[in-house]
Amino acid sequence: MKRKKRWWGIWARGAVTAFSLFVALDTFVIPASYSSVKASDSTLFSELESRAAAESTAATATESTAAAAAESTATAATVAESTAVATADSDVVTASVGELSGTSLGTAKTDDYSITVTEYQEYDTAIYVADITVSSAEIIKTALADDTYGKNITAYTSTIASENQAVLAINGDYYGAQESGYVIRNGVAYREASDGEDILVLYADGTMKVLDRDDVTVQELLDQGAWQAWSFGPGLLSDGEVTVGENTEVSRSMNSNPRTAIGQIDDNHYVFVVSDGRTDESKGLSLYELAEFMENLGCRTAYNLDGGGSSTMYFNGSVVNNPTTNGRIKERAVSDIVYIA
């Protein structure tokens, strides 16, 4: 009898361990495709509807990917002509935004946008800022890994950026690692499940707001003209005021980290911000330091995106910061990016 009880205990512990391992793999590793981005329009997609449509849209997604590849060659010359970048043998160029000054890493300009990328040294950390002026908020686009909405479908920021002919890109909110949180991309809603945390909404009219998900539904956001909605947080600035405390931190995160954030300075004037961290050269930023920095840039609204090993800025064909993953300077694959093409 004792032997049977002992074997029953071993079997039960094994079953619990196997189930826990499956849950972990399902949450963080096993990919699940729900829908193709190329097949979407301005209609609210529920996750069940997206899963049902996945098979029927696979062929369309393949054709669209091929078309995008062909278009990439045709547009490469245009991108090269529109981008002027400081060369390595040029004198150090200083640039300033708000109350800060740093070293210019280059500029890009077309009729639709003007971008200046600058490196700053603040809080013992290298911080990279893309100062962006656009003709319309819809110039600020998002893209998903493999052009697919799903779970644990990832690619490097630089890879997604290159596939979308991006001149500038940063990592997004890594929606694919979460089971809830609003997902609106390029005017299309993919997920309406809420966990009550801060969201950042960029409207087609150029307005940027930090909102509480409990105060608004996805459909209401679409009706109001939401162009993008990110779910990570927290919000850093609202109406020009810092909204985090000195001890505020993302769950399970260290106090000093590589960071990624997005903010608005004025009408059609935005910044993408990425900091290094976890190295001897750059210790990283707390959320409060990040908020202070963006306040000094002149932001009136700012929001924290996925950081740590995800934090990556891509500009004119190269990664300009030093992404740190498991102690190495290396990009981490992510679900999504924010970019300008």
C-alpha atoms as a PDB file:
ATOM      1  CA  MET A   1       0.000   0.000   0.000  1.00  0.00           C
ATOM      2  CA  LYS A   2       2.810   2.411   0.882  1.00  0.00           C
ATOM      3  CA  ARG A   3       4.509   1.616  -2.419  1.00  0.00           C
ATOM      4  CA  LYS A   4       1.314   2.428  -4.359  1.00  0.00           C
ATOM      5  CA  LYS A   5       0.964   5.721  -2.496  1.00  0.00           C
ATOM      6  CA  ARG A   6       4.588   6.568  -3.239  1.00  0.00           C
ATOM      7  CA  TRP A   7       4.159   5.893  -6.973  1.00  0.00           C
ATOM      8  CA  TRP A   8       0.900   7.833  -6.994  1.00  0.00           C
ATOM      9  CA  GLY A   9       2.708  10.804  -5.441  1.00  0.00           C
ATOM     10  CA  ILE A  10       5.488  10.620  -8.034  1.00  0.00           C
ATOM     11  CA  TRP A  11       2.959  10.442 -10.879  1.00  0.00           C
ATOM     12  CA  ALA A  12       0.978  13.396  -9.506  1.00  0.00           C
ATOM     13  CA  ARG A  13       4.089  15.549  -9.164  1.00  0.00           C
ATOM     14  CA  GLY A  14       5.139  14.595 -12.687  1.00  0.00           C
ATOM     15  CA  ALA A  15       1.735  15.520 -14.067  1.00  0.00           C
ATOM     16  CA  VAL A  16       1.823  18.908 -12.333  1.00  0.00           C
ATOM     17  CA  THR A  17       5.347  19.551 -13.636  1.00  0.00           C
ATOM     18  CA  ALA A  18       4.355  18.590 -17.198  1.00  0.00           C
ATOM     19  CA  PHE A  19       1.279  20.801 -17.084  1.00  0.00           C
ATOM     20  CA  SER A  20       3.294  23.753 -15.739  1.00  0.00           C
ATOM     21  CA  LEU A  21       5.874  23.256 -18.499  1.00  0.00           C
ATOM     22  CA  PHE A  22       3.155  23.197 -21.151  1.00  0.00           C
ATOM     23  CA  VAL A  23       1.592  26.407 -19.799  1.00  0.00           C
ATOM     24  CA  ALA A  24       4.990  28.119 -19.864  1.00  0.00           C
ATOM     25  CA  LEU A  25       5.708  26.952 -23.420  1.00  0.00           C
ATOM     26  CA  ASP A  26       2.225  27.910 -24.606  1.00  0.00           C
ATOM     27  CA  THR A  27       2.587  31.377 -23.085  1.00  0.00           C
ATOM     28  CA  PHE A  28       6.110  32.226 -24.161  1.00  0.00           C
ATOM     29  CA  VAL A  29       7.281  29.842 -26.910  1.00  0.00           C
ATOM     30  CA  ILE A  30       4.644  28.002 -28.972  1.00  0.00           C
ATOM     31  CA  PRO A  31       3.529  30.274 -31.857  1.00  0.00           C
ATOM     32  CA  ALA A  32      -0.152  30.624 -32.709  1.00  0.00           C
ATOM     33  CA  SER A  33      -1.301  32.531 -35.805  1.00  0.00           C
ATOM     34  CA  TYR A  34      -4.702  34.232 -35.543  1.00  0.00           C
ATOM     35  CA  SER A  35      -4.920  36.399 -38.676  1.00  0.00           C
ATOM     36  CA  SER A  36      -2.974  37.949 -41.513  1.00  0.00           C
ATOM     37  CA  VAL A  37      -2.360  41.687 -41.345  1.00  0.00           C
ATOM     38  CA  LYS A  38      -2.656  41.999 -45.117  1.00  0.00           C
ATOM     39  CA  ALA A  39      -6.257  40.748 -45.060  1.00  0.00           C
ATOM     40  CA  SER A  40      -7.454  43.237 -42.446  1.00  0.00           C
ATOM     41  CA  ASP A  41      -9.552  46.384 -42.829  1.00  0.00           C
ATOM     42  CA  SER A  42     -11.175  48.862 -40.457  1.00  0.00           C
ATOM     43  CA  THR A  43     -13.551  46.285 -38.964  1.00  0.00           C
ATOM     44  CA  LEU A  44     -13.171  45.114 -35.358  1.00  0.00           C
ATOM     45  CA  PHE A  45     -11.630  41.625 -35.383  1.00  0.00           C
ATOM     46  CA  SER A  46     -12.377  39.334 -32.450  1.00  0.00           C
ATOM     47  CA  GLU A  47      -9.760  36.675 -31.804  1.00  0.00           C
ATOM     48  CA  LEU A  48     -12.197  33.860 -32.641  1.00  0.00           C
ATOM     49  CA  GLU A  49     -13.121  35.498 -35.962  1.00  0.00           C
ATOM     50  CA  SER A  50      -9.459  36.002 -36.762  1.00  0.00           C
ATOM     51  CA  ARG A  51      -8.616  32.366 -36.062  1.00  0.00           C
ATOM     52  CA  ALA A  52     -11.465  31.186 -38.303  1.00  0.00           C
ATOM     53  CA  ALA A  53     -10.252  33.435 -41.108  1.00  0.00           C
ATOM     54  CA  ALA A  54      -6.591  32.403 -40.865  1.00  0.00           C
ATOM     55  CA  GLU A  55      -6.743  29.539 -43.386  1.00  0.00           C
ATOM     56  CA  SER A  56      -8.710  31.492 -45.989  1.00  0.00           C
ATOM     57  CA  THR A  57      -6.298  34.432 -45.836  1.00  0.00           C
ATOM     58  CA  ALA A  58      -3.070  32.412 -46.021  1.00  0.00           C
ATOM     59  CA  ALA A  59      -2.895  32.576 -49.834  1.00  0.00           C
ATOM     60  CA  THR A  60      -3.553  36.313 -49.814  1.00  0.00           C
ATOM     61  CA  ALA A  61      -0.818  36.836 -47.233  1.00  0.00           C
ATOM     62  CA  THR A  62       1.654  34.896 -49.398  1.00  0.00           C
ATOM     63  CA  GLU A  63       0.818  36.953 -52.487  1.00  0.00           C
ATOM     64  CA  SER A  64       1.072  40.192 -50.510  1.00  0.00           C
ATOM     65  CA  THR A  65       4.477  39.228 -49.127  1.00  0.00           C
ATOM     66  CA  ALA A  66       5.763  38.588 -52.644  1.00  0.00           C
ATOM     67  CA  ALA A  67       4.385  41.928 -53.819  1.00  0.00           C
ATOM     68  CA  ALA A  68       6.026  43.690 -50.890  1.00  0.00           C
ATOM     69  CA  ALA A  69       9.370  42.118 -51.758  1.00  0.00           C
ATOM     70  CA  ALA A  70       9.093  43.330 -55.350  1.00  0.00           C
ATOM     71  CA  GLU A  71       8.133  46.802 -54.205  1.00  0.00           C
ATOM     72  CA  SER A  72      11.131  46.886 -51.860  1.00  0.00           C
ATOM     73  CA  THR A  73      13.545  46.904 -54.791  1.00  0.00           C
ATOM     74  CA  ALA A  74      11.640  49.672 -56.553  1.00  0.00           C
ATOM     75  CA  THR A  75      11.547  51.899 -53.472  1.00  0.00           C
ATOM     76  CA  ALA A  76      15.131  51.390 -52.291  1.00  0.00           C
ATOM     77  CA  ALA A  77      16.470  54.181 -54.490  1.00  0.00           C
ATOM     78  CA  THR A  78      13.790  56.585 -53.274  1.00  0.00           C
ATOM     79  CA  VAL A  79      14.629  55.865 -49.640  1.00  0.00           C
ATOM     80  CA  ALA A  80      18.347  56.367 -50.314  1.00  0.00           C
ATOM     81  CA  GLU A  81      17.699  59.685 -52.030  1.00  0.00           C
ATOM     82  CA  SER A  82      15.465  60.946 -49.225  1.00  0.00           C
ATOM     83  CA  THR A  83      17.907  60.118 -46.419  1.00  0.00           C
ATOM     84  CA  ALA A  84      20.972  62.168 -45.536  1.00  0.00           C
ATOM     85  CA  VAL A  85      23.104  60.647 -42.773  1.00  0.00           C
ATOM     86  CA  ALA A  86      26.129  62.079 -40.971  1.00  0.00           C
ATOM     87  CA  THR A  87      29.221  60.133 -42.079  1.00  0.00           C
ATOM     88  CA  ALA A  88      31.740  58.539 -39.769  1.00  0.00           C
ATOM     89  CA  ASP A  89      34.575  60.863 -40.819  1.00  0.00           C
ATOM     90  CA  SER A  90      32.567  64.065 -40.324  1.00  0.00           C
ATOM     91  CA  ASP A  91      32.978  66.423 -37.395  1.00  0.00           C
ATOM     92  CA  VAL A  92      30.851  65.755 -34.319  1.00  0.00           C
ATOM     93  CA  VAL A  93      27.523  67.484 -34.834  1.00  0.00           C
ATOM     94  CA  THR A  94      25.543  68.700 -31.860  1.00  0.00           C
ATOM     95  CA  ALA A  95      21.761  68.721 -31.885  1.00  0.00           C
ATOM     96  CA  SER A  96      19.238  69.830 -29.324  1.00  0.00           C
ATOM     97  CA  VAL A  97      15.655  68.997 -28.438  1.00  0.00           C
ATOM     98  CA  GLY A  98      13.948  70.728 -25.541  1.00  0.00           C
ATOM     99  CA  GLU A  99      16.503  71.417 -22.804  1.00  0.00           C
ATOM    100  CA  LEU A 100      19.017  68.771 -23.899  1.00  0.00           C
ATOM    101  CA  SER A 101      21.924  68.643 -26.334  1.00  0.00           C
ATOM    102  CA  GLY A 102      23.633  65.628 -27.862  1.00  0.00           C
ATOM    103  CA  THR A 103      25.409  64.217 -30.897  1.00  0.00           C
ATOM    104  CA  SER A 104      23.513  63.969 -34.174  1.00  0.00           C
ATOM    105  CA  LEU A 105      23.527  60.516 -35.770  1.00  0.00           C
ATOM    106  CA  GLY A 106      21.820  61.615 -38.974  1.00  0.00           C
ATOM    107  CA  THR A 107      18.701  62.971 -40.607  1.00  0.00           C
ATOM    108  CA  ALA A 108      16.095  61.844 -43.111  1.00  0.00           C
ATOM    109  CA  LYS A 109      13.604  64.080 -44.869  1.00  0.00           C
ATOM    110  CA  THR A 110      10.814  63.804 -47.438  1.00  0.00           C
ATOM    111  CA  ASP A 111       7.657  65.798 -48.138  1.00  0.00           C
ATOM    112  CA  ASP A 112       5.888  63.590 -45.556  1.00  0.00           C
ATOM    113  CA  TYR A 113       8.363  63.571 -42.672  1.00  0.00           C
ATOM    114  CA  SER A 114      11.517  64.999 -41.160  1.00  0.00           C
ATOM    115  CA  ILE A 115      13.622  62.857 -38.808  1.00  0.00           C
ATOM    116  CA  THR A 116      16.704  63.719 -36.774  1.00  0.00           C
ATOM    117  CA  VAL A 117      18.333  60.999 -34.653  1.00  0.00           C
ATOM    118  CA  THR A 118      20.477  62.173 -31.737  1.00  0.00           C
ATOM    119  CA  GLU A 119      22.463  60.353 -29.070  1.00  0.00           C
ATOM    120  CA  TYR A 120      22.445  61.810 -25.554  1.00  0.00           C
ATOM    121  CA  GLN A 121      24.429  60.879 -22.456  1.00  0.00           C
ATOM    122  CA  GLU A 122      22.221  61.259 -19.383  1.00  0.00           C
ATOM    123  CA  TYR A 123      21.963  59.306 -16.103  1.00  0.00           C
ATOM    124  CA  ASP A 124      25.195  57.449 -17.026  1.00  0.00           C
ATOM    125  CA  THR A 125      23.315  56.011 -19.984  1.00  0.00           C
ATOM    126  CA  ALA A 126      23.328  56.350 -23.769  1.00  0.00           C
ATOM    127  CA  ILE A 127      19.888  57.500 -24.900  1.00  0.00           C
ATOM    128  CA  TYR A 128      18.848  57.677 -28.548  1.00  0.00           C
ATOM    129  CA  VAL A 129      16.122  60.079 -29.657  1.00  0.00           C
ATOM    130  CA  ALA A 130      14.425  60.255 -33.033  1.00  0.00           C
ATOM    131  CA  ASP A 131      12.829  63.709 -33.328  1.00  0.00           C
ATOM    132  CA  ILE A 132      10.035  63.379 -35.875  1.00  0.00           C
ATOM    133  CA  THR A 133       7.782  65.841 -37.659  1.00  0.00           C
ATOM    134  CA  VAL A 134       5.146  64.338 -39.969  1.00  0.00           C
ATOM    135  CA  SER A 135       2.548  65.672 -42.377  1.00  0.00           C
ATOM    136  CA  SER A 136      -0.034  63.292 -40.873  1.00  0.00           C
ATOM    137  CA  ALA A 137      -0.152  60.957 -37.881  1.00  0.00           C
ATOM    138  CA  GLU A 138      -0.847  58.115 -40.297  1.00  0.00           C
ATOM    139  CA  ILE A 139       2.804  58.361 -41.372  1.00  0.00           C
ATOM    140  CA  ILE A 140       3.541  56.652 -38.026  1.00  0.00           C
ATOM    141  CA  LYS A 141       2.815  53.022 -38.814  1.00  0.00           C
ATOM    142  CA  THR A 142       3.064  49.668 -37.082  1.00  0.00           C
ATOM    143  CA  ALA A 143       3.992  46.237 -38.382  1.00  0.00           C
ATOM    144  CA  LEU A 144       3.737  42.727 -36.957  1.00  0.00           C
ATOM    145  CA  ALA A 145       6.293  39.944 -37.206  1.00  0.00           C
ATOM    146  CA  ASP A 146       5.627  37.834 -40.314  1.00  0.00           C
ATOM    147  CA  ASP A 147       2.719  40.197 -41.125  1.00  0.00           C
ATOM    148  CA  THR A 148       0.683  38.018 -38.774  1.00  0.00           C
ATOM    149  CA  TYR A 149      -1.349  38.702 -35.658  1.00  0.00           C
ATOM    150  CA  GLY A 150      -0.818  35.900 -33.173  1.00  0.00           C
ATOM    151  CA  LYS A 151       0.967  34.675 -30.076  1.00  0.00           C
ATOM    152  CA  ASN A 152       4.734  34.102 -29.863  1.00  0.00           C
ATOM    153  CA  ILE A 153       5.245  35.053 -33.512  1.00  0.00           C
ATOM    154  CA  THR A 154       8.430  37.118 -33.409  1.00  0.00           C
ATOM    155  CA  ALA A 155      11.259  38.571 -35.464  1.00  0.00           C
ATOM    156  CA  TYR A 156      14.041  41.069 -34.885  1.00  0.00           C
ATOM    157  CA  THR A 157      13.066  44.733 -35.007  1.00  0.00           C
ATOM    158  CA  SER A 158      15.609  45.248 -37.793  1.00  0.00           C
ATOM    159  CA  THR A 159      14.133  42.368 -39.813  1.00  0.00           C
ATOM    160  CA  ILE A 160      10.550  43.632 -39.576  1.00  0.00           C
ATOM    161  CA  ALA A 161      11.778  47.148 -40.378  1.00  0.00           C
ATOM    162  CA  SER A 162      13.683  46.019 -43.454  1.00  0.00           C
ATOM    163  CA  GLU A 163      10.725  44.005 -44.719  1.00  0.00           C
ATOM    164  CA  ASN A 164       8.557  47.127 -44.489  1.00  0.00           C
ATOM    165  CA  GLN A 165      11.098  49.491 -46.099  1.00  0.00           C
ATOM    166  CA  ALA A 166      11.321  51.455 -42.851  1.00  0.00           C
ATOM    167  CA  VAL A 167      13.671  54.408 -42.575  1.00  0.00           C
ATOM    168  CA  LEU A 168      13.154  54.517 -38.801  1.00  0.00           C
ATOM    169  CA  ALA A 169      11.771  51.877 -36.424  1.00  0.00           C
ATOM    170  CA  ILE A 170      11.591  50.964 -32.746  1.00  0.00           C
ATOM    171  CA  ASN A 171      10.209  47.898 -31.021  1.00  0.00           C
ATOM    172  CA  GLY A 172       6.568  48.096 -29.955  1.00  0.00           C
ATOM    173  CA  ASP A 173       4.635  46.718 -26.975  1.00  0.00           C
ATOM    174  CA  TYR A 174       5.291  42.980 -27.564  1.00  0.00           C
ATOM    175  CA  TYR A 175       1.541  42.323 -27.620  1.00  0.00           C
ATOM    176  CA  GLY A 176       2.139  38.641 -28.456  1.00  0.00           C
ATOM    177  CA  ALA A 177       3.478  37.852 -24.968  1.00  0.00           C
ATOM    178  CA  GLN A 178       0.211  39.014 -23.354  1.00  0.00           C
ATOM    179  CA  GLU A 179      -3.225  37.439 -23.233  1.00  0.00           C
ATOM    180  CA  SER A 180      -5.034  40.781 -22.816  1.00  0.00           C
ATOM    181  CA  GLY A 181      -4.580  44.454 -23.593  1.00  0.00           C
ATOM    182  CA  TYR A 182      -6.010  46.402 -26.502  1.00  0.00           C
ATOM    183  CA  VAL A 183      -4.309  45.912 -29.860  1.00  0.00           C
ATOM    184  CA  ILE A 184      -5.109  48.487 -32.565  1.00  0.00           C
ATOM    185  CA  ARG A 185      -2.717  48.657 -35.482  1.00  0.00           C
ATOM    186  CA  ASN A 186      -3.016  51.023 -38.446  1.00  0.00           C
ATOM    187  CA  GLY A 187      -6.695  51.602 -37.710  1.00  0.00           C
ATOM    188  CA  VAL A 188      -7.555  47.909 -37.256  1.00  0.00           C
ATOM    189  CA  ALA A 189      -8.510  46.352 -33.905  1.00  0.00           C
ATOM    190  CA  TYR A 190      -7.236  42.836 -33.255  1.00  0.00           C
ATOM    191  CA  ARG A 191      -7.832  42.374 -29.536  1.00  0.00           C
ATOM    192  CA  GLU A 192     -10.429  43.885 -27.225  1.00  0.00           C
ATOM    193  CA  ALA A 193      -9.636  42.071 -23.969  1.00  0.00           C
ATOM    194  CA  SER A 194      -8.723  44.557 -21.223  1.00  0.00           C
ATOM    195  CA  ASP A 195      -6.640  44.195 -18.077  1.00  0.00           C
ATOM    196  CA  GLY A 196      -7.342  47.707 -16.807  1.00  0.00           C
ATOM    197  CA  GLU A 197      -3.866  49.161 -17.312  1.00  0.00           C
ATOM    198  CA  ASP A 198      -2.751  52.300 -19.142  1.00  0.00           C
ATOM    199  CA  ILE A 199      -2.974  52.366 -22.929  1.00  0.00           C
ATOM    200  CA  LEU A 200      -1.503  54.855 -25.370  1.00  0.00           C
ATOM    201  CA  VAL A 201      -3.747  55.924 -28.232  1.00  0.00           C
ATOM    202  CA  LEU A 202      -2.572  57.775 -31.325  1.00  0.00           C
ATOM    203  CA  TYR A 203      -5.533  59.143 -33.259  1.00  0.00           C
ATOM    204  CA  ALA A 204      -5.590  59.782 -36.992  1.00  0.00           C
ATOM    205  CA  ASP A 205      -5.948  63.518 -36.314  1.00  0.00           C
ATOM    206  CA  GLY A 206      -2.545  63.474 -34.569  1.00  0.00           C
ATOM    207  CA  THR A 207      -3.786  63.536 -30.979  1.00  0.00           C
ATOM    208  CA  MET A 208      -1.906  61.276 -28.554  1.00  0.00           C
ATOM    209  CA  LYS A 209      -3.454  60.322 -25.199  1.00  0.00           C
ATOM    210  CA  VAL A 210      -2.721  57.996 -22.282  1.00  0.00           C
ATOM    211  CA  LEU A 211      -6.005  56.379 -21.192  1.00  0.00           C
ATOM    212  CA  ASP A 212      -7.233  53.827 -18.676  1.00  0.00           C
ATOM    213  CA  ARG A 213      -8.593  50.800 -20.530  1.00  0.00           C
ATOM    214  CA  ASP A 214     -11.477  50.569 -18.067  1.00  0.00           C
ATOM    215  CA  ASP A 215     -12.692  53.981 -19.254  1.00  0.00           C
ATOM    216  CA  VAL A 216     -13.107  53.185 -22.945  1.00  0.00           C
ATOM    217  CA  THR A 217     -13.837  50.212 -25.214  1.00  0.00           C
ATOM    218  CA  VAL A 218     -12.010  49.277 -28.384  1.00  0.00           C
ATOM    219  CA  GLN A 219     -15.080  50.046 -30.476  1.00  0.00           C
ATOM    220  CA  GLU A 220     -15.342  53.491 -28.906  1.00  0.00           C
ATOM    221  CA  LEU A 221     -11.683  54.105 -29.750  1.00  0.00           C
ATOM    222  CA  LEU A 222     -12.268  53.104 -33.374  1.00  0.00           C
ATOM    223  CA  ASP A 223     -15.331  55.350 -33.546  1.00  0.00           C
ATOM    224  CA  GLN A 224     -13.160  58.203 -32.238  1.00  0.00           C
ATOM    225  CA  GLY A 225     -10.583  57.652 -34.993  1.00  0.00           C
ATOM    226  CA  ALA A 226      -7.892  55.646 -33.192  1.00  0.00           C
ATOM    227  CA  TRP A 227      -5.008  54.892 -35.536  1.00  0.00           C
ATOM    228  CA  GLN A 228      -2.762  52.995 -33.082  1.00  0.00           C
ATOM    229  CA  ALA A 229      -3.235  51.720 -29.517  1.00  0.00           C
ATOM    230  CA  TRP A 230      -0.423  50.192 -27.469  1.00  0.00           C
ATOM    231  CA  SER A 231      -0.786  48.209 -24.248  1.00  0.00           C
ATOM    232  CA  PHE A 232       2.299  48.120 -22.066  1.00  0.00           C
ATOM    233  CA  GLY A 233       2.853  51.213 -19.973  1.00  0.00           C
ATOM    234  CA  PRO A 234       2.768  52.886 -17.716  1.00  0.00           C
ATOM    235  CA  GLY A 235       2.084  56.357 -19.020  1.00  0.00           C
ATOM    236  CA  LEU A 236       5.012  58.662 -18.262  1.00  0.00           C
ATOM    237  CA  LEU A 237       3.653  62.127 -19.017  1.00  0.00           C
ATOM    238  CA  SER A 238       0.187  63.555 -19.408  1.00  0.00           C
ATOM    239  CA  ASP A 239      -0.476  67.236 -20.185  1.00  0.00           C
ATOM    240  CA  GLY A 240       3.238  67.844 -19.656  1.00  0.00           C
ATOM    241  CA  GLU A 241       3.231  66.458 -16.100  1.00  0.00           C
ATOM    242  CA  VAL A 242       5.204  63.405 -14.932  1.00  0.00           C
ATOM    243  CA  THR A 243       2.724  60.655 -13.944  1.00  0.00           C
ATOM    244  CA  VAL A 244       5.091  58.092 -12.401  1.00  0.00           C
ATOM    245  CA  GLY A 245       6.779  58.186  -9.014  1.00  0.00           C
ATOM    246  CA  GLU A 246      10.439  57.604  -8.236  1.00  0.00           C
ATOM    247  CA  ASN A 247       9.656  54.025  -7.189  1.00  0.00           C
ATOM    248  CA  THR A 248       7.230  53.160  -9.991  1.00  0.00           C
ATOM    249  CA  GLU A 249       8.344  50.115 -11.945  1.00  0.00           C
ATOM    250  CA  VAL A 250       7.047  47.568 -14.436  1.00  0.00           C
ATOM    251  CA  SER A 251       6.149  44.253 -12.809  1.00  0.00           C
ATOM    252  CA  ARG A 252       9.130  41.889 -12.456  1.00  0.00           C
ATOM    253  CA  SER A 253      11.480  44.525 -13.889  1.00  0.00           C
ATOM    254  CA  MET A 254      14.736  45.852 -12.497  1.00  0.00           C
ATOM    255  CA  ASN A 255      14.916  49.540 -11.587  1.00  0.00           C
ATOM    256  CA  SER A 256      17.517  50.420 -14.245  1.00  0.00           C
ATOM    257  CA  ASN A 257      16.875  49.015 -17.687  1.00  0.00           C
ATOM    258  CA  PRO A 258      17.152  49.530 -21.389  1.00  0.00           C
ATOM    259  CA  ARG A 259      13.944  51.406 -22.272  1.00  0.00           C
ATOM    260  CA  THR A 260      11.755  52.215 -25.250  1.00  0.00           C
ATOM    261  CA  ALA A 261       9.208  55.032 -25.205  1.00  0.00           C
ATOM    262  CA  ILE A 262       7.176  57.211 -27.522  1.00  0.00           C
ATOM    263  CA  GLY A 263       5.978  60.756 -26.922  1.00  0.00           C
ATOM    264  CA  GLN A 264       4.397  63.824 -28.447  1.00  0.00           C
ATOM    265  CA  ILE A 265       5.861  67.314 -28.258  1.00  0.00           C
ATOM    266  CA  ASP A 266       3.337  69.245 -30.365  1.00  0.00           C
ATOM    267  CA  ASP A 267       0.945  68.823 -33.280  1.00  0.00           C
ATOM    268  CA  ASN A 268       2.476  66.271 -35.684  1.00  0.00           C
ATOM    269  CA  HIS A 269       5.717  66.447 -33.671  1.00  0.00           C
ATOM    270  CA  TYR A 270       6.755  63.211 -31.930  1.00  0.00           C
ATOM    271  CA  VAL A 271       9.785  61.456 -30.461  1.00  0.00           C
ATOM    272  CA  PHE A 272      10.871  57.831 -30.363  1.00  0.00           C
ATOM    273  CA  VAL A 273      13.234  57.188 -27.443  1.00  0.00           C
ATOM    274  CA  VAL A 274      15.444  54.142 -26.802  1.00  0.00           C
ATOM    275  CA  SER A 275      18.078  53.795 -24.075  1.00  0.00           C
ATOM    276  CA  ASP A 276      20.879  51.313 -23.599  1.00  0.00           C
ATOM    277  CA  GLY A 277      21.352  49.570 -20.257  1.00  0.00           C
ATOM    278  CA  ARG A 278      22.746  46.633 -18.291  1.00  0.00           C
ATOM    279  CA  THR A 279      26.295  47.293 -19.516  1.00  0.00           C
ATOM    280  CA  ASP A 280      29.417  48.908 -18.075  1.00  0.00           C
ATOM    281  CA  GLU A 281      28.922  51.846 -20.460  1.00  0.00           C
ATOM    282  CA  SER A 282      25.200  52.365 -19.772  1.00  0.00           C
ATOM    283  CA  LYS A 283      23.455  51.468 -16.545  1.00  0.00           C
ATOM    284  CA  GLY A 284      19.942  52.028 -17.904  1.00  0.00           C
ATOM    285  CA  LEU A 285      17.022  54.139 -16.736  1.00  0.00           C
ATOM    286  CA  SER A 286      14.322  53.917 -14.113  1.00  0.00           C
ATOM    287  CA  LEU A 287      10.827  54.821 -15.287  1.00  0.00           C
ATOM    288  CA  TYR A 288      11.049  58.075 -13.374  1.00  0.00           C
ATOM    289  CA  GLU A 289      14.348  58.961 -15.071  1.00  0.00           C
ATOM    290  CA  LEU A 290      12.810  58.122 -18.443  1.00  0.00           C
ATOM    291  CA  ALA A 291       9.834  60.371 -17.659  1.00  0.00           C
ATOM    292  CA  GLU A 292      12.138  63.208 -16.552  1.00  0.00           C
ATOM    293  CA  PHE A 293      14.189  62.852 -19.718  1.00  0.00           C
ATOM    294  CA  MET A 294      11.131  63.016 -21.948  1.00  0.00           C
ATOM    295  CA  GLU A 295       9.833  65.996 -20.009  1.00  0.00           C
ATOM    296  CA  ASN A 296      13.148  67.723 -20.749  1.00  0.00           C
ATOM    297  CA  LEU A 297      12.676  66.885 -24.424  1.00  0.00           C
ATOM    298  CA  GLY A 298       9.521  68.972 -24.265  1.00  0.00           C
ATOM    299  CA  CYS A 299       7.007  66.120 -24.433  1.00  0.00           C
ATOM    300  CA  ARG A 300       3.481  66.789 -23.250  1.00  0.00           C
ATOM    301  CA  THR A 301       2.511  63.094 -23.558  1.00  0.00           C
ATOM    302  CA  ALA A 302       4.816  60.084 -23.154  1.00  0.00           C
ATOM    303  CA  TYR A 303       4.389  56.350 -22.733  1.00  0.00           C
ATOM    304  CA  ASN A 304       6.631  53.414 -21.844  1.00  0.00           C
ATOM    305  CA  LEU A 305       6.793  50.566 -24.373  1.00  0.00           C
ATOM    306  CA  ASP A 306       8.439  47.144 -23.984  1.00  0.00           C
ATOM    307  CA  GLY A 307      12.006  47.522 -22.731  1.00  0.00           C
ATOM    308  CA  GLY A 308      14.896  45.374 -21.556  1.00  0.00           C
ATOM    309  CA  GLY A 309      16.303  43.160 -24.286  1.00  0.00           C
ATOM    310  CA  SER A 310      13.570  44.302 -26.678  1.00  0.00           C
ATOM    311  CA  SER A 311      14.744  47.939 -26.758  1.00  0.00           C
ATOM    312  CA  THR A 312      15.970  48.587 -30.283  1.00  0.00           C
ATOM    313  CA  MET A 313      16.189  51.589 -32.612  1.00  0.00           C
ATOM    314  CA  TYR A 314      16.735  51.050 -36.332  1.00  0.00           C
ATOM    315  CA  PHE A 315      17.643  53.941 -38.598  1.00  0.00           C
ATOM    316  CA  ASN A 316      18.618  54.036 -42.266  1.00  0.00           C
ATOM    317  CA  GLY A 317      19.422  50.347 -42.494  1.00  0.00           C
ATOM    318  CA  SER A 318      21.218  49.836 -39.174  1.00  0.00           C
ATOM    319  CA  VAL A 319      20.551  49.322 -35.481  1.00  0.00           C
ATOM    320  CA  VAL A 320      21.902  52.471 -33.811  1.00  0.00           C
ATOM    321  CA  ASN A 321      21.718  51.465 -30.138  1.00  0.00           C
ATOM    322  CA  ASN A 322      23.157  48.465 -28.264  1.00  0.00           C
ATOM    323  CA  PRO A 323      20.343  45.970 -27.554  1.00  0.00           C
ATOM    324  CA  THR A 324      21.288  43.741 -24.628  1.00  0.00           C
ATOM    325  CA  THR A 325      19.975  40.191 -24.356  1.00  0.00           C
ATOM    326  CA  ASN A 326      21.258  37.769 -21.705  1.00  0.00           C
ATOM    327  CA  GLY A 327      24.371  39.843 -21.160  1.00  0.00           C
ATOM    328  CA  ARG A 328      25.243  40.085 -24.860  1.00  0.00           C
ATOM    329  CA  ILE A 329      24.855  42.928 -27.332  1.00  0.00           C
ATOM    330  CA  LYS A 330      22.196  41.306 -29.463  1.00  0.00           C
ATOM    331  CA  GLU A 331      18.665  42.015 -30.643  1.00  0.00           C
ATOM    332  CA  ARG A 332      15.771  40.141 -29.097  1.00  0.00           C
ATOM    333  CA  ALA A 333      12.966  38.992 -31.374  1.00  0.00           C
ATOM    334  CA  VAL A 334       9.696  40.878 -30.777  1.00  0.00           C
ATOM    335  CA  SER A 335       6.065  40.780 -31.911  1.00  0.00           C
ATOM    336  CA  ASP A 336       5.806  44.224 -33.458  1.00  0.00           C
ATOM    337  CA  ILE A 337       7.435  47.528 -34.348  1.00  0.00           C
ATOM    338  CA  VAL A 338       6.543  51.202 -34.738  1.00  0.00           C
ATOM    339  CA  TYR A 339       8.052  52.694 -37.882  1.00  0.00           C
ATOM    340  CA  ILE A 340       8.207  55.354 -40.572  1.00  0.00           C
ATOM    341  CA  ALA A 341       8.775  54.325 -44.189  1.00  0.00           C
END
